[in-house]
Amino acid sequence: MNGSRITAVGHYQPARVLTNEDLAELVDTSDEWITSRVGIRTRHIAGPDEPVDELAAHAAAKALAAAGLTPEDIDLVLVATSTAVDRSPNMAARVAARLGIPSPAVMDLNVVCAGFTHALATADHAVRAGGATRVLVIGADKMSEVTDWTDRTTCVLVGDGAGAAVVEAAEETAIGPVLWGSVPEMGHAVRIEGTPARFAQEGQSVYRWATTKLPAIARKACERAGVTPEDLAAVVLHQANLRIIEPLAGKIGAVNAVIARDVVESGNTSAASIPMALSKLVERGEISTGDRVLLFGFGGNLSYAGQVIHCP
């Protein structure tokens, strides 16, 4: 075994749905204003009794079941999140406790919206180096808890949820080499700061960076995997907003690919957005086992990470 692969995925969203009409009762906005600017129509919002680790555990349990595994089979749990409230125990330990995983290594990664693709690369590296055999990789965020619900420029964007993947050792590589990096001097463009912590961003700066700088980086991630954009069956970008996703996907040149647009119904769920969108494509049968899929996360710090995977 000198490679790794994703063998199953799963996702979870809270039951409460917040529509654009609901938001219009909170701030000066409208359905037309929101959809024309960011393309979002609904989002799921967790209640006060639904912490991040609960969202994560639900998604992870679904991925485990889909993989035909038990908690005892997992030896590493990675949780990508930027909305953990406590410093310790970390989210990964809390998820492991909820699921009854007996003695895993447990780590959280905070790379905000690019968290899942960073965590997936970390799992791939750990498996190929022999440090783990089966890994739960989870992206989970409760953005509603760090949102200023009086700020119409940010509150219309966010949603809550979790997505998970099981990564296992494989004879051949089905998770391509990661291309990752950041622009630290522009880190202030996406922030979760203060007491209490609040999400804020410089929307125009993020938009220009995402649509002008990231297409070439995403194409290079394809090159590292030995594929062209035309070879891709699907492109799953961080679900930031539709005005970023569609231009970025177009400039990558994946003319034959399904483009994930889960942001329309889920909003921006930060680290959860890529695994949730991927899981839904698999669940709906829009992509098939073995299909090449580009995963590309970007956002806070300004960080990015992308890799081409084979669909489970």
C-alpha atoms as a PDB file:
ATOM      1  CA  MET A   1       0.000   0.000   0.000  1.00  0.00           C
ATOM      2  CA  ASN A   2       1.669   3.198  -1.153  1.00  0.00           C
ATOM      3  CA  GLY A   3      -1.352   5.351  -1.897  1.00  0.00           C
ATOM      4  CA  SER A   4      -4.589   6.525  -0.343  1.00  0.00           C
ATOM      5  CA  ARG A   5      -8.182   7.003  -1.416  1.00  0.00           C
ATOM      6  CA  ILE A   6     -11.489   8.348  -0.206  1.00  0.00           C
ATOM      7  CA  THR A   7     -13.757   5.359   0.306  1.00  0.00           C
ATOM      8  CA  ALA A   8     -16.911   7.117   1.512  1.00  0.00           C
ATOM      9  CA  VAL A   9     -18.400  10.525   2.260  1.00  0.00           C
ATOM     10  CA  GLY A  10     -21.276  11.878   4.332  1.00  0.00           C
ATOM     11  CA  HIS A  11     -22.841  15.197   5.306  1.00  0.00           C
ATOM     12  CA  TYR A  12     -25.193  16.713   7.848  1.00  0.00           C
ATOM     13  CA  GLN A  13     -27.132  19.962   8.170  1.00  0.00           C
ATOM     14  CA  PRO A  14     -29.338  21.250  10.996  1.00  0.00           C
ATOM     15  CA  ALA A  15     -33.090  21.079  10.470  1.00  0.00           C
ATOM     16  CA  ARG A  16     -33.816  24.812  10.684  1.00  0.00           C
ATOM     17  CA  VAL A  17     -33.839  26.549   7.292  1.00  0.00           C
ATOM     18  CA  LEU A  18     -33.404  30.313   7.095  1.00  0.00           C
ATOM     19  CA  THR A  19     -34.706  31.835   3.860  1.00  0.00           C
ATOM     20  CA  ASN A  20     -33.914  35.162   2.257  1.00  0.00           C
ATOM     21  CA  GLU A  21     -37.406  36.306   3.211  1.00  0.00           C
ATOM     22  CA  ASP A  22     -36.610  35.478   6.854  1.00  0.00           C
ATOM     23  CA  LEU A  23     -33.460  37.600   6.651  1.00  0.00           C
ATOM     24  CA  ALA A  24     -35.444  40.500   5.219  1.00  0.00           C
ATOM     25  CA  GLU A  25     -37.236  40.664   8.572  1.00  0.00           C
ATOM     26  CA  LEU A  26     -33.881  41.046  10.395  1.00  0.00           C
ATOM     27  CA  VAL A  27     -31.959  43.489   8.184  1.00  0.00           C
ATOM     28  CA  ASP A  28     -32.532  45.830   5.261  1.00  0.00           C
ATOM     29  CA  THR A  29     -32.354  43.271   2.462  1.00  0.00           C
ATOM     30  CA  SER A  30     -34.534  41.275   0.078  1.00  0.00           C
ATOM     31  CA  ASP A  31     -34.544  37.994  -1.806  1.00  0.00           C
ATOM     32  CA  GLU A  32     -33.695  39.856  -5.029  1.00  0.00           C
ATOM     33  CA  TRP A  33     -30.792  41.731  -3.403  1.00  0.00           C
ATOM     34  CA  ILE A  34     -29.274  38.529  -1.974  1.00  0.00           C
ATOM     35  CA  THR A  35     -29.709  36.279  -5.000  1.00  0.00           C
ATOM     36  CA  SER A  36     -28.404  38.896  -7.430  1.00  0.00           C
ATOM     37  CA  ARG A  37     -25.255  39.479  -5.391  1.00  0.00           C
ATOM     38  CA  VAL A  38     -24.341  36.072  -3.937  1.00  0.00           C
ATOM     39  CA  GLY A  39     -26.803  33.545  -5.402  1.00  0.00           C
ATOM     40  CA  ILE A  40     -27.876  32.162  -2.024  1.00  0.00           C
ATOM     41  CA  ARG A  41     -31.560  31.351  -1.407  1.00  0.00           C
ATOM     42  CA  THR A  42     -31.525  29.337   1.834  1.00  0.00           C
ATOM     43  CA  ARG A  43     -29.153  28.241   4.574  1.00  0.00           C
ATOM     44  CA  HIS A  44     -29.360  25.837   7.547  1.00  0.00           C
ATOM     45  CA  ILE A  45     -28.853  27.261  11.035  1.00  0.00           C
ATOM     46  CA  ALA A  46     -27.938  25.213  14.126  1.00  0.00           C
ATOM     47  CA  GLY A  47     -29.645  25.828  17.428  1.00  0.00           C
ATOM     48  CA  PRO A  48     -27.920  26.771  20.699  1.00  0.00           C
ATOM     49  CA  ASP A  49     -27.958  23.099  21.731  1.00  0.00           C
ATOM     50  CA  GLU A  50     -26.213  21.927  18.527  1.00  0.00           C
ATOM     51  CA  PRO A  51     -22.443  22.428  18.964  1.00  0.00           C
ATOM     52  CA  VAL A  52     -19.865  22.010  16.219  1.00  0.00           C
ATOM     53  CA  ASP A  53     -18.811  18.556  17.371  1.00  0.00           C
ATOM     54  CA  GLU A  54     -22.404  17.311  17.152  1.00  0.00           C
ATOM     55  CA  LEU A  55     -22.671  18.474  13.544  1.00  0.00           C
ATOM     56  CA  ALA A  56     -19.313  16.852  12.814  1.00  0.00           C
ATOM     57  CA  ALA A  57     -20.220  13.567  14.490  1.00  0.00           C
ATOM     58  CA  HIS A  58     -23.447  13.210  12.481  1.00  0.00           C
ATOM     59  CA  ALA A  59     -21.583  13.656   9.187  1.00  0.00           C
ATOM     60  CA  ALA A  60     -18.768  11.331  10.279  1.00  0.00           C
ATOM     61  CA  ALA A  61     -21.196   8.606  11.337  1.00  0.00           C
ATOM     62  CA  LYS A  62     -22.778   8.687   7.876  1.00  0.00           C
ATOM     63  CA  ALA A  63     -19.383   8.419   6.185  1.00  0.00           C
ATOM     64  CA  LEU A  64     -18.399   5.510   8.438  1.00  0.00           C
ATOM     65  CA  ALA A  65     -21.628   3.679   7.647  1.00  0.00           C
ATOM     66  CA  ALA A  66     -21.177   4.271   3.918  1.00  0.00           C
ATOM     67  CA  ALA A  67     -17.647   2.842   4.148  1.00  0.00           C
ATOM     68  CA  GLY A  68     -18.877  -0.230   6.028  1.00  0.00           C
ATOM     69  CA  LEU A  69     -16.546   0.524   8.927  1.00  0.00           C
ATOM     70  CA  THR A  70     -16.915   0.626  12.698  1.00  0.00           C
ATOM     71  CA  PRO A  71     -15.454   3.243  15.053  1.00  0.00           C
ATOM     72  CA  GLU A  72     -12.778   0.735  16.065  1.00  0.00           C
ATOM     73  CA  ASP A  73     -11.393   0.826  12.513  1.00  0.00           C
ATOM     74  CA  ILE A  74     -10.366   4.499  12.715  1.00  0.00           C
ATOM     75  CA  ASP A  75      -6.914   5.475  13.989  1.00  0.00           C
ATOM     76  CA  LEU A  76      -6.822   9.204  13.145  1.00  0.00           C
ATOM     77  CA  VAL A  77      -9.515  11.886  13.357  1.00  0.00           C
ATOM     78  CA  LEU A  78      -8.946  15.278  11.711  1.00  0.00           C
ATOM     79  CA  VAL A  79     -11.473  18.084  12.092  1.00  0.00           C
ATOM     80  CA  ALA A  80     -11.197  21.261  10.055  1.00  0.00           C
ATOM     81  CA  THR A  81     -13.031  24.093  11.812  1.00  0.00           C
ATOM     82  CA  SER A  82     -12.638  27.755  12.684  1.00  0.00           C
ATOM     83  CA  THR A  83     -15.634  27.973  15.018  1.00  0.00           C
ATOM     84  CA  ALA A  84     -14.527  25.837  17.951  1.00  0.00           C
ATOM     85  CA  VAL A  85     -15.369  27.703  21.152  1.00  0.00           C
ATOM     86  CA  ASP A  86     -13.089  25.871  23.585  1.00  0.00           C
ATOM     87  CA  ARG A  87      -9.357  25.325  23.387  1.00  0.00           C
ATOM     88  CA  SER A  88      -9.478  21.818  24.874  1.00  0.00           C
ATOM     89  CA  PRO A  89     -10.683  19.162  24.379  1.00  0.00           C
ATOM     90  CA  ASN A  90     -10.457  19.802  20.682  1.00  0.00           C
ATOM     91  CA  MET A  91     -13.252  19.024  18.210  1.00  0.00           C
ATOM     92  CA  ALA A  92     -11.550  15.858  16.994  1.00  0.00           C
ATOM     93  CA  ALA A  93     -11.417  14.427  20.522  1.00  0.00           C
ATOM     94  CA  ARG A  94     -15.049  15.338  21.106  1.00  0.00           C
ATOM     95  CA  VAL A  95     -16.114  13.714  17.845  1.00  0.00           C
ATOM     96  CA  ALA A  96     -14.122  10.585  18.708  1.00  0.00           C
ATOM     97  CA  ALA A  97     -15.861  10.439  22.095  1.00  0.00           C
ATOM     98  CA  ARG A  98     -19.303  10.866  20.532  1.00  0.00           C
ATOM     99  CA  LEU A  99     -18.641   8.064  18.036  1.00  0.00           C
ATOM    100  CA  GLY A 100     -16.858   5.739  20.464  1.00  0.00           C
ATOM    101  CA  ILE A 101     -13.567   5.640  18.574  1.00  0.00           C
ATOM    102  CA  PRO A 102     -11.290   3.990  21.172  1.00  0.00           C
ATOM    103  CA  SER A 103      -7.760   5.409  20.795  1.00  0.00           C
ATOM    104  CA  PRO A 104      -7.244   7.621  17.737  1.00  0.00           C
ATOM    105  CA  ALA A 105      -4.828  10.447  17.214  1.00  0.00           C
ATOM    106  CA  VAL A 106      -6.974  13.594  17.260  1.00  0.00           C
ATOM    107  CA  MET A 107      -6.162  16.925  15.630  1.00  0.00           C
ATOM    108  CA  ASP A 108      -8.014  20.084  14.658  1.00  0.00           C
ATOM    109  CA  LEU A 109      -6.930  22.239  11.705  1.00  0.00           C
ATOM    110  CA  ASN A 110      -7.974  25.871  11.477  1.00  0.00           C
ATOM    111  CA  VAL A 111      -7.503  27.000   7.904  1.00  0.00           C
ATOM    112  CA  VAL A 112     -10.994  28.482   7.726  1.00  0.00           C
ATOM    113  CA  CYS A 113     -12.667  27.907   4.326  1.00  0.00           C
ATOM    114  CA  ALA A 114      -9.700  25.918   2.974  1.00  0.00           C
ATOM    115  CA  GLY A 115      -9.664  23.721   6.066  1.00  0.00           C
ATOM    116  CA  PHE A 116     -11.084  20.536   4.565  1.00  0.00           C
ATOM    117  CA  THR A 117      -8.669  20.355   1.637  1.00  0.00           C
ATOM    118  CA  HIS A 118      -5.766  20.985   4.033  1.00  0.00           C
ATOM    119  CA  ALA A 119      -7.056  18.224   6.314  1.00  0.00           C
ATOM    120  CA  LEU A 120      -7.518  15.844   3.380  1.00  0.00           C
ATOM    121  CA  ALA A 121      -3.916  16.426   2.309  1.00  0.00           C
ATOM    122  CA  THR A 122      -2.767  15.817   5.878  1.00  0.00           C
ATOM    123  CA  ALA A 123      -4.687  12.525   5.966  1.00  0.00           C
ATOM    124  CA  ASP A 124      -3.194  11.481   2.631  1.00  0.00           C
ATOM    125  CA  HIS A 125       0.305  12.239   3.882  1.00  0.00           C
ATOM    126  CA  ALA A 126      -0.256  10.361   7.151  1.00  0.00           C
ATOM    127  CA  VAL A 127      -1.578   7.262   5.386  1.00  0.00           C
ATOM    128  CA  ARG A 128       1.162   7.169   2.743  1.00  0.00           C
ATOM    129  CA  ALA A 129       3.828   7.674   5.418  1.00  0.00           C
ATOM    130  CA  GLY A 130       2.442   4.776   7.457  1.00  0.00           C
ATOM    131  CA  GLY A 131       1.243   6.920  10.360  1.00  0.00           C
ATOM    132  CA  ALA A 132      -2.396   5.924   9.894  1.00  0.00           C
ATOM    133  CA  THR A 133      -4.435   3.345   8.023  1.00  0.00           C
ATOM    134  CA  ARG A 134      -7.969   4.750   8.187  1.00  0.00           C
ATOM    135  CA  VAL A 135      -8.725   8.418   8.787  1.00  0.00           C
ATOM    136  CA  LEU A 136     -11.902  10.366   9.411  1.00  0.00           C
ATOM    137  CA  VAL A 137     -11.547  13.779   7.761  1.00  0.00           C
ATOM    138  CA  ILE A 138     -14.264  16.236   8.740  1.00  0.00           C
ATOM    139  CA  GLY A 139     -15.065  19.827   7.860  1.00  0.00           C
ATOM    140  CA  ALA A 140     -17.533  21.381  10.301  1.00  0.00           C
ATOM    141  CA  ASP A 141     -18.461  24.945  11.122  1.00  0.00           C
ATOM    142  CA  LYS A 142     -21.190  26.792  12.968  1.00  0.00           C
ATOM    143  CA  MET A 143     -20.851  30.141  11.254  1.00  0.00           C
ATOM    144  CA  SER A 144     -24.117  31.400  12.723  1.00  0.00           C
ATOM    145  CA  GLU A 145     -22.368  31.618  16.096  1.00  0.00           C
ATOM    146  CA  VAL A 146     -19.752  34.108  14.848  1.00  0.00           C
ATOM    147  CA  THR A 147     -22.072  36.197  12.685  1.00  0.00           C
ATOM    148  CA  ASP A 148     -23.228  39.750  13.270  1.00  0.00           C
ATOM    149  CA  TRP A 149     -26.915  39.388  12.438  1.00  0.00           C
ATOM    150  CA  THR A 150     -27.255  43.151  12.007  1.00  0.00           C
ATOM    151  CA  ASP A 151     -24.676  43.292   9.187  1.00  0.00           C
ATOM    152  CA  ARG A 152     -26.439  42.587   5.906  1.00  0.00           C
ATOM    153  CA  THR A 153     -23.179  42.184   3.995  1.00  0.00           C
ATOM    154  CA  THR A 154     -22.168  39.086   5.987  1.00  0.00           C
ATOM    155  CA  CYS A 155     -25.286  37.639   7.641  1.00  0.00           C
ATOM    156  CA  VAL A 156     -26.803  36.799   4.249  1.00  0.00           C
ATOM    157  CA  LEU A 157     -23.829  34.547   3.445  1.00  0.00           C
ATOM    158  CA  VAL A 158     -23.482  32.080   6.270  1.00  0.00           C
ATOM    159  CA  GLY A 159     -24.835  28.642   7.087  1.00  0.00           C
ATOM    160  CA  ASP A 160     -24.006  25.746   9.396  1.00  0.00           C
ATOM    161  CA  GLY A 161     -23.172  22.132   8.627  1.00  0.00           C
ATOM    162  CA  ALA A 162     -20.588  19.383   8.355  1.00  0.00           C
ATOM    163  CA  GLY A 163     -19.164  17.030   5.780  1.00  0.00           C
ATOM    164  CA  ALA A 164     -16.884  14.039   6.238  1.00  0.00           C
ATOM    165  CA  ALA A 165     -14.752  11.595   4.289  1.00  0.00           C
ATOM    166  CA  VAL A 166     -13.095   8.296   5.148  1.00  0.00           C
ATOM    167  CA  VAL A 167      -9.548   8.035   3.819  1.00  0.00           C
ATOM    168  CA  GLU A 168      -7.902   4.602   3.648  1.00  0.00           C
ATOM    169  CA  ALA A 169      -4.659   3.112   2.430  1.00  0.00           C
ATOM    170  CA  ALA A 170      -4.765   1.952  -1.188  1.00  0.00           C
ATOM    171  CA  GLU A 171      -2.478   0.252  -3.684  1.00  0.00           C
ATOM    172  CA  GLU A 172      -2.749   3.185  -6.076  1.00  0.00           C
ATOM    173  CA  THR A 173      -3.005   6.891  -5.378  1.00  0.00           C
ATOM    174  CA  ALA A 174      -6.555   8.225  -5.684  1.00  0.00           C
ATOM    175  CA  ILE A 175      -5.853  11.493  -3.877  1.00  0.00           C
ATOM    176  CA  GLY A 176      -3.634  13.699  -5.995  1.00  0.00           C
ATOM    177  CA  PRO A 177      -0.737  15.834  -4.754  1.00  0.00           C
ATOM    178  CA  VAL A 178      -1.928  18.896  -2.903  1.00  0.00           C
ATOM    179  CA  LEU A 179      -1.119  22.392  -4.100  1.00  0.00           C
ATOM    180  CA  TRP A 180      -1.418  24.706  -1.120  1.00  0.00           C
ATOM    181  CA  GLY A 181      -0.268  28.101   0.027  1.00  0.00           C
ATOM    182  CA  SER A 182      -1.434  31.492   1.274  1.00  0.00           C
ATOM    183  CA  VAL A 183      -1.107  35.260   0.983  1.00  0.00           C
ATOM    184  CA  PRO A 184      -0.413  36.179   4.642  1.00  0.00           C
ATOM    185  CA  GLU A 185      -0.120  39.910   4.008  1.00  0.00           C
ATOM    186  CA  MET A 186      -3.765  39.859   2.879  1.00  0.00           C
ATOM    187  CA  GLY A 187      -4.933  37.734   5.780  1.00  0.00           C
ATOM    188  CA  HIS A 188      -7.022  40.603   7.139  1.00  0.00           C
ATOM    189  CA  ALA A 189      -9.397  40.299   4.152  1.00  0.00           C
ATOM    190  CA  VAL A 190     -11.282  37.454   5.883  1.00  0.00           C
ATOM    191  CA  ARG A 191     -11.485  37.610   9.657  1.00  0.00           C
ATOM    192  CA  ILE A 192     -13.099  35.965  12.671  1.00  0.00           C
ATOM    193  CA  GLU A 193     -11.832  38.228  15.439  1.00  0.00           C
ATOM    194  CA  GLY A 194     -12.724  39.959  18.681  1.00  0.00           C
ATOM    195  CA  THR A 195     -14.648  39.146  21.846  1.00  0.00           C
ATOM    196  CA  PRO A 196     -17.154  37.868  21.058  1.00  0.00           C
ATOM    197  CA  ALA A 197     -15.631  36.608  17.819  1.00  0.00           C
ATOM    198  CA  ARG A 198     -17.300  37.978  14.696  1.00  0.00           C
ATOM    199  CA  PHE A 199     -16.929  37.154  11.007  1.00  0.00           C
ATOM    200  CA  ALA A 200     -16.011  40.045   8.702  1.00  0.00           C
ATOM    201  CA  GLN A 201     -14.468  40.323   5.271  1.00  0.00           C
ATOM    202  CA  GLU A 202     -13.369  42.719   2.557  1.00  0.00           C
ATOM    203  CA  GLY A 203     -15.628  41.320  -0.119  1.00  0.00           C
ATOM    204  CA  GLN A 204     -14.215  43.084  -3.166  1.00  0.00           C
ATOM    205  CA  SER A 205     -10.625  42.145  -2.298  1.00  0.00           C
ATOM    206  CA  VAL A 206     -11.605  38.499  -1.847  1.00  0.00           C
ATOM    207  CA  TYR A 207     -13.587  38.497  -5.097  1.00  0.00           C
ATOM    208  CA  ARG A 208     -10.693  39.946  -7.137  1.00  0.00           C
ATOM    209  CA  TRP A 209      -8.182  37.523  -5.605  1.00  0.00           C
ATOM    210  CA  ALA A 210     -10.405  34.480  -6.120  1.00  0.00           C
ATOM    211  CA  THR A 211     -11.332  35.243  -9.713  1.00  0.00           C
ATOM    212  CA  THR A 212      -7.948  36.481 -10.959  1.00  0.00           C
ATOM    213  CA  LYS A 213      -5.262  34.622  -9.000  1.00  0.00           C
ATOM    214  CA  LEU A 214      -6.831  31.272  -8.176  1.00  0.00           C
ATOM    215  CA  PRO A 215      -7.697  29.849 -11.627  1.00  0.00           C
ATOM    216  CA  ALA A 216      -4.018  29.329 -12.504  1.00  0.00           C
ATOM    217  CA  ILE A 217      -3.377  27.708  -9.122  1.00  0.00           C
ATOM    218  CA  ALA A 218      -6.329  25.338  -9.581  1.00  0.00           C
ATOM    219  CA  ARG A 219      -5.072  24.377 -13.045  1.00  0.00           C
ATOM    220  CA  LYS A 220      -1.652  23.669 -11.560  1.00  0.00           C
ATOM    221  CA  ALA A 221      -3.269  21.301  -9.040  1.00  0.00           C
ATOM    222  CA  CYS A 222      -4.666  19.416 -12.033  1.00  0.00           C
ATOM    223  CA  GLU A 223      -1.200  19.306 -13.601  1.00  0.00           C
ATOM    224  CA  ARG A 224       0.257  17.816 -10.441  1.00  0.00           C
ATOM    225  CA  ALA A 225      -2.333  15.039 -10.646  1.00  0.00           C
ATOM    226  CA  GLY A 226      -1.467  14.411 -14.296  1.00  0.00           C
ATOM    227  CA  VAL A 227      -4.854  15.491 -15.642  1.00  0.00           C
ATOM    228  CA  THR A 228      -6.176  18.404 -17.663  1.00  0.00           C
ATOM    229  CA  PRO A 229      -9.226  20.445 -16.646  1.00  0.00           C
ATOM    230  CA  GLU A 230     -11.075  18.803 -19.549  1.00  0.00           C
ATOM    231  CA  ASP A 231     -10.555  15.408 -17.846  1.00  0.00           C
ATOM    232  CA  LEU A 232     -12.506  16.449 -14.749  1.00  0.00           C
ATOM    233  CA  ALA A 233     -15.978  15.040 -14.119  1.00  0.00           C
ATOM    234  CA  ALA A 234     -16.693  17.592 -11.391  1.00  0.00           C
ATOM    235  CA  VAL A 235     -15.297  20.712  -9.766  1.00  0.00           C
ATOM    236  CA  VAL A 236     -16.067  21.303  -6.093  1.00  0.00           C
ATOM    237  CA  LEU A 237     -14.896  24.744  -5.039  1.00  0.00           C
ATOM    238  CA  HIS A 238     -15.331  26.309  -1.638  1.00  0.00           C
ATOM    239  CA  GLN A 239     -18.938  27.438  -1.662  1.00  0.00           C
ATOM    240  CA  ALA A 240     -18.216  31.100  -0.978  1.00  0.00           C
ATOM    241  CA  ASN A 241     -20.868  32.640  -3.181  1.00  0.00           C
ATOM    242  CA  LEU A 242     -22.150  31.994  -6.658  1.00  0.00           C
ATOM    243  CA  ARG A 243     -20.547  35.162  -8.085  1.00  0.00           C
ATOM    244  CA  ILE A 244     -17.139  33.709  -7.174  1.00  0.00           C
ATOM    245  CA  ILE A 245     -17.821  30.042  -7.967  1.00  0.00           C
ATOM    246  CA  GLU A 246     -19.074  30.494 -11.525  1.00  0.00           C
ATOM    247  CA  PRO A 247     -16.311  32.833 -12.827  1.00  0.00           C
ATOM    248  CA  LEU A 248     -13.607  30.787 -11.111  1.00  0.00           C
ATOM    249  CA  ALA A 249     -14.942  27.504 -12.473  1.00  0.00           C
ATOM    250  CA  GLY A 250     -15.164  29.023 -15.961  1.00  0.00           C
ATOM    251  CA  LYS A 251     -11.570  30.236 -15.886  1.00  0.00           C
ATOM    252  CA  ILE A 252     -10.279  26.830 -14.746  1.00  0.00           C
ATOM    253  CA  GLY A 253     -11.511  25.434 -18.068  1.00  0.00           C
ATOM    254  CA  ALA A 254     -13.306  22.303 -16.829  1.00  0.00           C
ATOM    255  CA  VAL A 255     -15.727  22.377 -19.750  1.00  0.00           C
ATOM    256  CA  ASN A 256     -17.045  18.827 -19.224  1.00  0.00           C
ATOM    257  CA  ALA A 257     -17.418  19.015 -15.458  1.00  0.00           C
ATOM    258  CA  VAL A 258     -20.368  19.243 -13.113  1.00  0.00           C
ATOM    259  CA  ILE A 259     -19.903  22.410 -11.054  1.00  0.00           C
ATOM    260  CA  ALA A 260     -21.037  22.123  -7.431  1.00  0.00           C
ATOM    261  CA  ARG A 261     -23.482  24.905  -6.536  1.00  0.00           C
ATOM    262  CA  ASP A 262     -24.554  23.813  -3.073  1.00  0.00           C
ATOM    263  CA  VAL A 263     -24.082  27.406  -1.894  1.00  0.00           C
ATOM    264  CA  VAL A 264     -27.531  28.196  -3.316  1.00  0.00           C
ATOM    265  CA  GLU A 265     -29.275  26.047  -0.711  1.00  0.00           C
ATOM    266  CA  SER A 266     -26.657  25.913   2.052  1.00  0.00           C
ATOM    267  CA  GLY A 267     -24.882  29.276   2.074  1.00  0.00           C
ATOM    268  CA  ASN A 268     -21.216  29.630   2.981  1.00  0.00           C
ATOM    269  CA  THR A 269     -20.450  26.918   5.544  1.00  0.00           C
ATOM    270  CA  SER A 270     -16.681  27.537   5.628  1.00  0.00           C
ATOM    271  CA  ALA A 271     -14.725  24.286   6.164  1.00  0.00           C
ATOM    272  CA  ALA A 272     -17.894  22.213   5.735  1.00  0.00           C
ATOM    273  CA  SER A 273     -18.686  23.506   2.267  1.00  0.00           C
ATOM    274  CA  ILE A 274     -16.484  21.260   0.109  1.00  0.00           C
ATOM    275  CA  PRO A 275     -17.208  17.902   1.787  1.00  0.00           C
ATOM    276  CA  MET A 276     -20.932  18.706   1.976  1.00  0.00           C
ATOM    277  CA  ALA A 277     -21.090  19.625  -1.700  1.00  0.00           C
ATOM    278  CA  LEU A 278     -19.070  16.531  -2.675  1.00  0.00           C
ATOM    279  CA  SER A 279     -21.264  14.250  -0.565  1.00  0.00           C
ATOM    280  CA  LYS A 280     -24.411  15.635  -2.191  1.00  0.00           C
ATOM    281  CA  LEU A 281     -23.032  15.085  -5.705  1.00  0.00           C
ATOM    282  CA  VAL A 282     -22.293  11.464  -4.783  1.00  0.00           C
ATOM    283  CA  GLU A 283     -25.671  10.996  -3.094  1.00  0.00           C
ATOM    284  CA  ARG A 284     -27.566  12.335  -6.118  1.00  0.00           C
ATOM    285  CA  GLY A 285     -25.544  10.184  -8.517  1.00  0.00           C
ATOM    286  CA  GLU A 286     -24.190  13.179 -10.440  1.00  0.00           C
ATOM    287  CA  ILE A 287     -20.694  11.677 -10.317  1.00  0.00           C
ATOM    288  CA  SER A 288     -19.617   8.042 -10.365  1.00  0.00           C
ATOM    289  CA  THR A 289     -16.979   5.919  -8.667  1.00  0.00           C
ATOM    290  CA  GLY A 290     -13.564   6.629 -10.132  1.00  0.00           C
ATOM    291  CA  ASP A 291     -14.488   9.977 -11.674  1.00  0.00           C
ATOM    292  CA  ARG A 292     -11.818  12.655 -11.320  1.00  0.00           C
ATOM    293  CA  VAL A 293     -12.951  15.551  -9.157  1.00  0.00           C
ATOM    294  CA  LEU A 294     -11.101  18.757  -8.368  1.00  0.00           C
ATOM    295  CA  LEU A 295     -11.509  19.918  -4.779  1.00  0.00           C
ATOM    296  CA  PHE A 296     -10.315  23.489  -4.223  1.00  0.00           C
ATOM    297  CA  GLY A 297     -10.640  25.415  -0.980  1.00  0.00           C
ATOM    298  CA  PHE A 298      -9.814  29.079  -0.448  1.00  0.00           C
ATOM    299  CA  GLY A 299     -10.563  31.850   2.027  1.00  0.00           C
ATOM    300  CA  GLY A 300      -9.242  33.009   5.377  1.00  0.00           C
ATOM    301  CA  ASN A 301      -5.541  33.873   5.723  1.00  0.00           C
ATOM    302  CA  LEU A 302      -5.878  34.089   2.358  1.00  0.00           C
ATOM    303  CA  SER A 303      -5.196  30.349   2.167  1.00  0.00           C
ATOM    304  CA  TYR A 304      -5.813  27.887  -0.621  1.00  0.00           C
ATOM    305  CA  ALA A 305      -5.423  24.131  -1.100  1.00  0.00           C
ATOM    306  CA  GLY A 306      -6.503  21.911  -3.955  1.00  0.00           C
ATOM    307  CA  GLN A 307      -6.165  18.338  -5.130  1.00  0.00           C
ATOM    308  CA  VAL A 308      -7.734  16.016  -7.677  1.00  0.00           C
ATOM    309  CA  ILE A 309      -9.395  12.951  -6.178  1.00  0.00           C
ATOM    310  CA  HIS A 310     -11.105   9.867  -7.563  1.00  0.00           C
ATOM    311  CA  CYS A 311     -14.769   9.797  -6.584  1.00  0.00           C
ATOM    312  CA  PRO A 312     -15.558   7.111  -3.983  1.00  0.00           C
END
